[in-house]
């Protein structure tokens, strides 16, 4: 077998799910011919399937350097960059890919996802709409456009797009969850619960649906019911950090703060990265970082990231203040969380709910 044979064998093994064998084949292909761009591209796909996006991007870089017209390397490098949160470079990759193939709906969808994640909802909607024009049955594009419209405050439009995604696929659990979340933001709690229940009827182990219902119950201050849903979400495979934060906040509000922080710190210790923004939140909640320093850390970064971190930081700081009985400062911080206008974040929605409840109290 020559280098090309090993490279294609790597591809077939990866598609069959045999990542270890695929890696061996790709390494052999590269050893035999270090200028085989396809081998680097296929190995990049293997790394990506393993969740090693840094190594995947490095291989896609080599593939593109060897063959600048390797359009698939741009496509999958863009996807790896989205997974890493590098949205600006992901947008650049999909823009380049679209120059090669302007008719692939998924490319516009992925660029829209990166743009929406960057807070550029207007251009995201343009890209999602182009994806729908190219493939009217692409439910993910309707669902993504719903998220972008929600980010702009067009809740009716977001519900319409979520409903269209459900019309295309009646078993689309994420679409029911998305529509339920938007209904909750409109104040339609009955409709929201109905959508979450439908999602759980379709998939009784949907961590996504349990988490979404948990946030709704949290905002309704149904603490024990919310706690049960967050735990069910985690038990059914959720790997989202923020559900662990809500479990801690609920336990603290129920008078279980010591046990709650022990549980949260145990989760933090199990993560690979203990120096990121999530770790900074945990360190604040655990009392290892002062409020002033925490709010200063939240202001670091660029553009939309700063607003997102401030939205979260003021919500968590406000909640701790509220638990201590410091209503005036809690109100101020909840307002500051809402003022960031990061409407897609659960912290924004929860801060709004807290303000509504606090303003009703004497």
Protein backbone atom coordinates (compact mmCIF):
# COMPACT_ATOMS: atom_id res chain seq x y z
CA UNK A 1 0.00 0.00 0.00
CA UNK A 2 1.12 3.54 -0.74
CA UNK A 3 0.53 6.77 1.17
CA UNK A 4 -2.73 7.48 -0.65
CA UNK A 5 -4.08 4.02 0.21
CA UNK A 6 -3.27 4.47 3.89
CA UNK A 7 -4.87 7.92 3.90
CA UNK A 8 -8.12 6.59 2.44
CA UNK A 9 -8.02 3.63 4.81
CA UNK A 10 -7.73 6.15 7.66
CA UNK A 11 -10.87 7.88 6.37
CA UNK A 12 -12.84 4.62 6.14
CA UNK A 13 -11.76 3.53 9.62
CA UNK A 14 -12.74 6.90 11.07
CA UNK A 15 -16.17 6.70 9.42
CA UNK A 16 -16.60 3.21 10.93
CA UNK A 17 -15.82 4.63 14.37
CA UNK A 18 -12.46 2.91 14.76
CA UNK A 19 -10.47 6.02 15.69
CA UNK A 20 -7.41 4.21 17.05
CA UNK A 21 -6.89 2.26 13.81
CA UNK A 22 -7.61 5.39 11.76
CA UNK A 23 -4.88 7.28 13.59
CA UNK A 24 -2.37 4.52 12.87
CA UNK A 25 -3.26 4.55 9.17
CA UNK A 26 -3.01 8.34 8.88
CA UNK A 27 0.32 8.39 10.68
CA UNK A 28 1.60 5.73 8.27
CA UNK A 29 0.39 7.76 5.28
CA UNK A 30 2.18 10.88 6.54
CA UNK A 31 5.34 8.92 7.35
CA UNK A 32 5.42 7.59 3.78
CA UNK A 33 4.64 11.00 2.21
CA UNK A 34 4.89 14.11 4.42
CA UNK A 35 3.36 16.17 1.61
CA UNK A 36 0.14 14.16 1.37
CA UNK A 37 -2.39 16.88 2.18
CA UNK A 38 -5.27 14.38 2.25
CA UNK A 39 -3.56 12.43 5.03
CA UNK A 40 -3.32 15.55 7.21
CA UNK A 41 -6.92 16.41 6.42
CA UNK A 42 -8.16 12.94 7.35
CA UNK A 43 -6.04 12.89 10.50
CA UNK A 44 -7.52 16.27 11.41
CA UNK A 45 -10.96 14.66 11.20
CA UNK A 46 -9.80 11.87 13.52
CA UNK A 47 -8.50 14.38 16.06
CA UNK A 48 -11.76 16.32 15.85
CA UNK A 49 -13.78 13.14 16.43
CA UNK A 50 -11.68 12.60 19.57
CA UNK A 51 -12.42 16.14 20.75
CA UNK A 52 -8.80 17.27 20.31
CA UNK A 53 -9.60 20.41 18.34
CA UNK A 54 -6.16 22.01 18.73
CA UNK A 55 -4.48 19.05 17.02
CA UNK A 56 -7.25 18.93 14.42
CA UNK A 57 -6.71 22.60 13.54
CA UNK A 58 -2.94 22.07 13.32
CA UNK A 59 -3.46 19.26 10.79
CA UNK A 60 -6.00 21.26 8.79
CA UNK A 61 -3.45 24.09 8.68
CA UNK A 62 -0.87 21.76 7.13
CA UNK A 63 -3.41 20.37 4.67
CA UNK A 64 -4.32 23.91 3.53
CA UNK A 65 -0.66 24.95 3.29
CA UNK A 66 0.01 21.95 1.07
CA UNK A 67 -3.12 22.51 -1.00
CA UNK A 68 -4.80 25.93 -0.61
CA UNK A 69 -7.74 24.61 -2.65
CA UNK A 70 -8.58 21.85 -0.15
CA UNK A 71 -12.07 23.23 0.48
CA UNK A 72 -13.04 20.52 2.97
CA UNK A 73 -10.11 21.44 5.19
CA UNK A 74 -11.52 24.99 5.45
CA UNK A 75 -14.98 23.59 6.24
CA UNK A 76 -13.86 21.29 9.04
CA UNK A 77 -11.28 23.73 10.41
CA UNK A 78 -14.16 26.19 10.75
CA UNK A 79 -16.15 23.59 12.67
CA UNK A 80 -13.20 22.86 14.97
CA UNK A 81 -12.80 26.58 15.61
CA UNK A 82 -16.49 26.89 16.50
CA UNK A 83 -16.02 24.10 19.02
CA UNK A 84 -13.10 26.05 20.51
CA UNK A 85 -15.07 29.30 20.61
CA UNK A 86 -12.81 30.94 18.00
CA UNK A 87 -15.72 32.43 16.10
CA UNK A 88 -13.88 35.14 14.14
CA UNK A 89 -11.55 32.64 12.47
CA UNK A 90 -14.43 30.20 11.96
CA UNK A 91 -16.29 32.92 10.06
CA UNK A 92 -13.19 33.48 7.92
CA UNK A 93 -12.95 29.74 7.15
CA UNK A 94 -16.58 29.45 6.09
CA UNK A 95 -16.32 32.62 4.02
CA UNK A 96 -13.40 30.99 2.19
CA UNK A 97 -15.28 27.70 1.82
CA UNK A 98 -18.32 29.50 0.36
CA UNK A 99 -16.04 30.94 -2.33
CA UNK A 100 -15.41 27.33 -3.41
CA UNK A 101 -18.99 26.10 -2.99
CA UNK A 102 -21.67 28.81 -2.71
CA UNK A 103 -24.50 26.26 -2.85
CA UNK A 104 -23.93 24.28 0.36
CA UNK A 105 -26.61 25.22 2.89
CA UNK A 106 -24.65 23.79 5.82
CA UNK A 107 -21.75 26.19 5.18
CA UNK A 108 -24.05 29.21 5.56
CA UNK A 109 -25.61 27.56 8.61
CA UNK A 110 -22.22 27.10 10.27
CA UNK A 111 -21.11 30.65 9.48
CA UNK A 112 -24.40 31.88 10.89
CA UNK A 113 -23.78 29.87 14.05
CA UNK A 114 -20.39 31.53 14.48
CA UNK A 115 -21.84 34.98 13.82
CA UNK A 116 -24.71 34.45 16.23
CA UNK A 117 -22.27 33.23 18.87
CA UNK A 118 -20.38 36.50 18.32
CA UNK A 119 -23.56 38.48 18.93
CA UNK A 120 -23.82 39.50 15.25
CA UNK A 121 -27.47 38.53 14.97
CA UNK A 122 -28.26 40.58 11.85
CA UNK A 123 -25.65 38.84 9.68
CA UNK A 124 -26.45 35.51 11.31
CA UNK A 125 -30.08 35.88 10.22
CA UNK A 126 -28.93 36.67 6.67
CA UNK A 127 -26.83 33.49 6.60
CA UNK A 128 -29.53 31.31 8.17
CA UNK A 129 -32.02 32.66 5.61
CA UNK A 130 -29.60 31.79 2.78
CA UNK A 131 -29.24 28.28 4.17
CA UNK A 132 -33.04 27.94 4.23
CA UNK A 133 -33.26 29.25 0.64
CA UNK A 134 -30.78 26.55 -0.45
CA UNK A 135 -32.40 23.81 1.65
CA UNK A 136 -35.95 24.58 2.85
CA UNK A 137 -35.99 21.32 4.85
CA UNK A 138 -32.92 22.18 6.95
CA UNK A 139 -34.59 22.29 10.35
CA UNK A 140 -31.34 23.30 12.07
CA UNK A 141 -31.30 26.55 10.07
CA UNK A 142 -34.79 27.49 11.26
CA UNK A 143 -33.79 26.65 14.80
CA UNK A 144 -30.58 28.67 14.55
CA UNK A 145 -32.46 31.62 13.08
CA UNK A 146 -34.90 31.36 15.98
CA UNK A 147 -31.98 31.80 18.37
CA UNK A 148 -30.69 34.83 16.47
CA UNK A 149 -34.15 36.41 16.38
CA UNK A 150 -34.48 35.77 20.09
CA UNK A 151 -31.16 37.53 20.60
CA UNK A 152 -32.58 40.57 18.78
CA UNK A 153 -35.76 40.50 20.86
CA UNK A 154 -38.02 39.26 18.05
CA UNK A 155 -39.72 36.61 20.17
CA UNK A 156 -42.71 36.11 17.87
CA UNK A 157 -40.40 35.53 14.92
CA UNK A 158 -38.31 33.15 17.01
CA UNK A 159 -41.39 31.12 17.97
CA UNK A 160 -42.47 30.97 14.31
CA UNK A 161 -39.06 29.62 13.26
CA UNK A 162 -39.00 27.07 16.08
CA UNK A 163 -42.48 25.94 15.06
CA UNK A 164 -41.30 25.53 11.46
CA UNK A 165 -38.43 23.34 12.66
CA UNK A 166 -40.99 21.19 14.52
CA UNK A 167 -43.20 21.05 11.41
CA UNK A 168 -40.23 19.65 9.46
CA UNK A 169 -39.39 17.14 12.19
CA UNK A 170 -42.06 16.33 14.78
CA UNK A 171 -39.49 14.53 16.93
CA UNK A 172 -37.08 17.48 17.06
CA UNK A 173 -36.44 17.71 20.81
CA UNK A 174 -34.14 20.78 20.60
CA UNK A 175 -36.86 22.64 18.68
CA UNK A 176 -39.46 21.97 21.38
CA UNK A 177 -36.97 23.06 24.02
CA UNK A 178 -36.04 26.22 22.11
CA UNK A 179 -39.69 27.14 21.62
CA UNK A 180 -40.38 26.43 25.28
CA UNK A 181 -37.55 28.76 26.31
CA UNK A 182 -38.82 31.56 24.08
CA UNK A 183 -42.36 31.14 25.40
CA UNK A 184 -40.98 31.39 28.92
CA UNK A 185 -39.23 34.64 27.97
CA UNK A 186 -42.59 35.95 26.74
CA UNK A 187 -44.19 35.01 30.06
CA UNK A 188 -46.14 32.06 28.65
CA UNK A 189 -45.16 29.60 31.38
CA UNK A 190 -47.98 27.17 30.59
CA UNK A 191 -46.94 26.97 26.94
CA UNK A 192 -43.32 26.61 27.97
CA UNK A 193 -43.99 23.69 30.31
CA UNK A 194 -46.12 22.08 27.57
CA UNK A 195 -43.20 22.20 25.12
CA UNK A 196 -40.74 20.81 27.68
CA UNK A 197 -43.18 18.00 28.51
CA UNK A 198 -43.56 17.17 24.82
CA UNK A 199 -39.77 17.06 24.47
CA UNK A 200 -39.53 14.64 27.42
CA UNK A 201 -42.35 12.53 25.97
CA UNK A 202 -40.29 12.14 22.79
CA UNK A 203 -37.07 11.54 24.72
CA UNK A 204 -37.52 10.78 28.44
CA UNK A 205 -33.75 11.05 28.87
CA UNK A 206 -33.32 14.46 27.27
CA UNK A 207 -30.82 16.31 29.43
CA UNK A 208 -31.58 19.42 27.38
CA UNK A 209 -35.29 19.36 28.29
CA UNK A 210 -34.64 18.67 31.97
CA UNK A 211 -32.19 21.57 32.15
CA UNK A 212 -34.54 23.98 30.36
CA UNK A 213 -37.42 23.06 32.69
CA UNK A 214 -35.04 23.36 35.63
CA UNK A 215 -34.23 26.98 34.72
CA UNK A 216 -37.94 27.79 34.40
CA UNK A 217 -38.67 26.24 37.80
CA UNK A 218 -35.68 28.10 39.28
CA UNK A 219 -37.09 31.41 38.05
CA UNK A 220 -40.43 30.43 39.59
CA UNK A 221 -38.54 29.70 42.85
CA UNK A 222 -39.77 26.11 42.91
CA UNK A 223 -36.41 25.18 44.41
CA UNK A 224 -36.74 21.46 45.05
CA UNK A 225 -38.44 20.77 41.71
CA UNK A 226 -35.73 22.76 39.91
CA UNK A 227 -33.03 20.89 41.82
CA UNK A 228 -34.55 17.55 40.75
CA UNK A 229 -34.56 18.62 37.08
CA UNK A 230 -30.96 19.85 37.14
CA UNK A 231 -29.86 16.59 38.71
CA UNK A 232 -31.88 14.63 36.13
CA UNK A 233 -30.19 16.61 33.36
CA UNK A 234 -26.75 15.74 34.70
CA UNK A 235 -27.72 12.10 35.30
CA UNK A 236 -28.81 11.84 31.66
CA UNK A 237 -25.49 12.96 30.27
CA UNK A 238 -25.40 16.75 30.39
CA UNK A 239 -21.84 18.06 30.46
CA UNK A 240 -22.84 21.69 30.94
CA UNK A 241 -21.02 23.47 33.73
CA UNK A 242 -23.75 25.94 34.55
CA UNK A 243 -26.28 23.41 35.81
CA UNK A 244 -23.83 22.69 38.62
CA UNK A 245 -23.83 26.40 39.52
CA UNK A 246 -27.62 26.40 39.79
CA UNK A 247 -27.53 23.32 42.00
CA UNK A 248 -25.18 25.20 44.33
CA UNK A 249 -27.37 28.33 44.38
CA UNK A 250 -30.48 26.26 45.14
CA UNK A 251 -28.75 24.37 47.92
CA UNK A 252 -27.51 27.63 49.42
CA UNK A 253 -31.01 29.07 49.34
CA UNK A 254 -32.27 25.89 51.03
CA UNK A 255 -29.70 26.31 53.81
CA UNK A 256 -27.32 23.65 52.44
CA UNK A 257 -24.51 26.03 51.46
CA UNK A 258 -21.64 24.07 53.02
CA UNK A 259 -22.63 20.81 51.34
CA UNK A 260 -23.44 22.70 48.16
CA UNK A 261 -20.01 24.29 47.81
CA UNK A 262 -18.34 20.96 48.59
CA UNK A 263 -20.32 19.38 45.74
CA UNK A 264 -19.49 22.25 43.38
CA UNK A 265 -15.78 22.17 44.18
CA UNK A 266 -15.79 18.42 43.63
CA UNK A 267 -17.17 19.01 40.15
CA UNK A 268 -14.59 21.72 39.46
CA UNK A 269 -11.79 19.32 40.45
CA UNK A 270 -13.08 16.81 37.87
CA UNK A 271 -12.78 19.30 34.99
CA UNK A 272 -9.69 19.53 32.80
CA UNK A 273 -9.57 23.33 32.91
CA UNK A 274 -9.55 24.96 36.34
CA UNK A 275 -8.36 28.38 35.18
CA UNK A 276 -11.17 29.49 32.85
CA UNK A 277 -14.12 31.83 33.43
CA UNK A 278 -16.27 29.06 34.92
CA UNK A 279 -13.53 28.37 37.47
CA UNK A 280 -13.49 32.08 38.30
CA UNK A 281 -17.22 31.92 39.06
CA UNK A 282 -16.72 28.90 41.32
CA UNK A 283 -13.84 30.60 43.15
CA UNK A 284 -16.09 33.60 43.81
CA UNK A 285 -19.01 31.49 45.01
CA UNK A 286 -16.65 29.55 47.27
CA UNK A 287 -15.38 32.78 48.82
CA UNK A 288 -11.84 32.48 47.49
CA UNK A 289 -12.22 35.54 45.27
CA UNK A 290 -13.61 38.85 46.54
CA UNK A 291 -16.61 40.41 44.87
CA UNK A 292 -14.57 43.40 43.67
CA UNK A 293 -11.94 41.19 42.08
CA UNK A 294 -14.56 38.93 40.54
CA UNK A 295 -16.33 41.86 38.89
CA UNK A 296 -12.96 43.16 37.67
CA UNK A 297 -12.15 39.77 36.10
CA UNK A 298 -15.56 39.84 34.40
CA UNK A 299 -14.54 43.04 32.61
CA UNK A 300 -11.56 41.42 30.92
CA UNK A 301 -11.67 40.25 27.33
CA UNK A 302 -13.02 41.71 24.12
CA UNK A 303 -16.36 42.82 22.74
CA UNK A 304 -19.33 40.57 23.37
CA UNK A 305 -17.36 38.33 25.73
CA UNK A 306 -17.12 41.14 28.29
CA UNK A 307 -20.88 41.72 28.20
CA UNK A 308 -21.56 38.01 28.61
CA UNK A 309 -19.19 37.70 31.56
CA UNK A 310 -20.69 40.78 33.22
CA UNK A 311 -24.19 39.42 32.72
CA UNK A 312 -23.19 36.27 34.57
CA UNK A 313 -21.02 37.96 37.20
CA UNK A 314 -23.65 40.46 38.31
CA UNK A 315 -26.29 37.71 38.46
CA UNK A 316 -24.18 35.50 40.74
CA UNK A 317 -23.03 38.44 42.88
CA UNK A 318 -26.65 39.64 43.18
CA UNK A 319 -27.85 36.21 44.21
CA UNK A 320 -25.30 35.93 47.00
CA UNK A 321 -26.22 39.43 48.18
CA UNK A 322 -29.91 38.50 48.15
CA UNK A 323 -29.28 35.35 50.18
CA UNK A 324 -27.47 37.53 52.75
CA UNK A 325 -30.54 39.77 52.94
CA UNK A 326 -28.87 42.73 51.17
CA UNK A 327 -31.82 43.57 48.94
CA UNK A 328 -30.70 47.03 47.77
CA UNK A 329 -27.36 45.82 46.39
CA UNK A 330 -29.01 42.70 44.99
CA UNK A 331 -31.48 44.87 43.07
CA UNK A 332 -28.63 47.00 41.72
CA UNK A 333 -26.67 43.98 40.55
CA UNK A 334 -29.66 42.22 39.00
CA UNK A 335 -30.36 45.42 37.04
CA UNK A 336 -26.75 45.53 35.87
CA UNK A 337 -27.03 41.93 34.68
CA UNK A 338 -30.12 42.79 32.65
CA UNK A 339 -28.51 45.98 31.31
CA UNK A 340 -25.90 43.88 29.48
CA UNK A 341 -28.78 42.86 27.17
CA UNK A 342 -27.38 39.33 26.73
CA UNK A 343 -30.90 38.00 26.29
CA UNK A 344 -29.90 34.47 25.25
CA UNK A 345 -28.22 33.79 28.62
CA UNK A 346 -30.09 32.08 31.43
CA UNK A 347 -28.51 34.54 33.87
CA UNK A 348 -30.17 37.42 32.02
CA UNK A 349 -33.56 35.72 32.19
CA UNK A 350 -33.13 34.78 35.84
CA UNK A 351 -32.06 38.32 36.74
CA UNK A 352 -35.24 39.63 35.08
CA UNK A 353 -37.33 37.14 37.04
CA UNK A 354 -35.64 38.13 40.31
CA UNK A 355 -36.28 41.82 39.63
CA UNK A 356 -39.96 41.16 38.99
CA UNK A 357 -40.29 39.24 42.24
CA UNK A 358 -38.28 41.71 44.30
CA UNK A 359 -40.25 44.67 43.02
CA UNK A 360 -43.47 42.97 44.13
CA UNK A 361 -42.20 42.49 47.67
CA UNK A 362 -42.70 45.20 50.31
